[in-house]
Amino acid sequence: MTVAAPIVAVLDYGSGNVHSAVKALQAAGADARLTRDRGLIAEAAGLLVPGVGAFSAVMEQLTAIRGGEIIERRLAGGMPVMGICVGMQIMFERGIERGIDTEGLGEWPGEVTALDAPVVPHMGWSRVQAGEGSRLFDGLSDERFYFVHSNAAQKWTLDVIPPFPQPAVTWSTHGVPFIAAVENGPLSATQFHPEKSGAAGIQLLRNWIGTLPR
């Protein structure tokens, strides 16, 4: 008996680069659908939140379709959500970019700020140090991933009290250490672009898809 591919809704709120994310999810084994249909998003096994450009612009686009509410409702029900690039950054409390201070979704405490590095943006392939207990990076400890960003979360301050499990926080470095990925209950995110990271990125998405409810 063939098991149907899990449906992953890719949130369509006006962000660029969504079609490459859809194709990568399909290559990783998901039934990926670009949508803003709230019913489909509520029922999908996973929700992917892409994001490119400025933190403030992404938040403005999300707010226009009440995207924060969509994401919060899924997380409140324990339903998986994954953010990519700025789609990860907006999960933090604030983004400060070129003097513009923008409120994020506040799923995690902390700020997204400019990288202090000789060359910015950080554009290209970098290794990561996977967090303890990571499922996203299973089998990918020696791989490189593709980054394009000038800002990042550079501190992790969420205090998780047992019996709740500790998040798996993955780090990378460009001038300074920064958070490259987080796995925290139903919410996962990567600062890099899995859809641009070749076979390693597809495997990471496949690992995430493997955690989705069937």
Foldseek 3Di string as FASTA:
>chain_A
DDDAAFEEEEEDLPAPPVVLVQVLLVVLGHNYDHDNPLVCLLPGLEYEYEHDDDLQVSVVSCVVSVVLVSVVVCVVVLRAYEYEASRVQLCEQWEADPNDIDGGSHVFYFYKYFDPAPDPPPFAWWAKCKFPPDQLCVVPNPAIFTAHHGIATADHDDDDDPPQDDKIWMWTDHNHIGTQWIDHRRYIYGNTDLSPGPPSSSSSSSSVSVPTDD
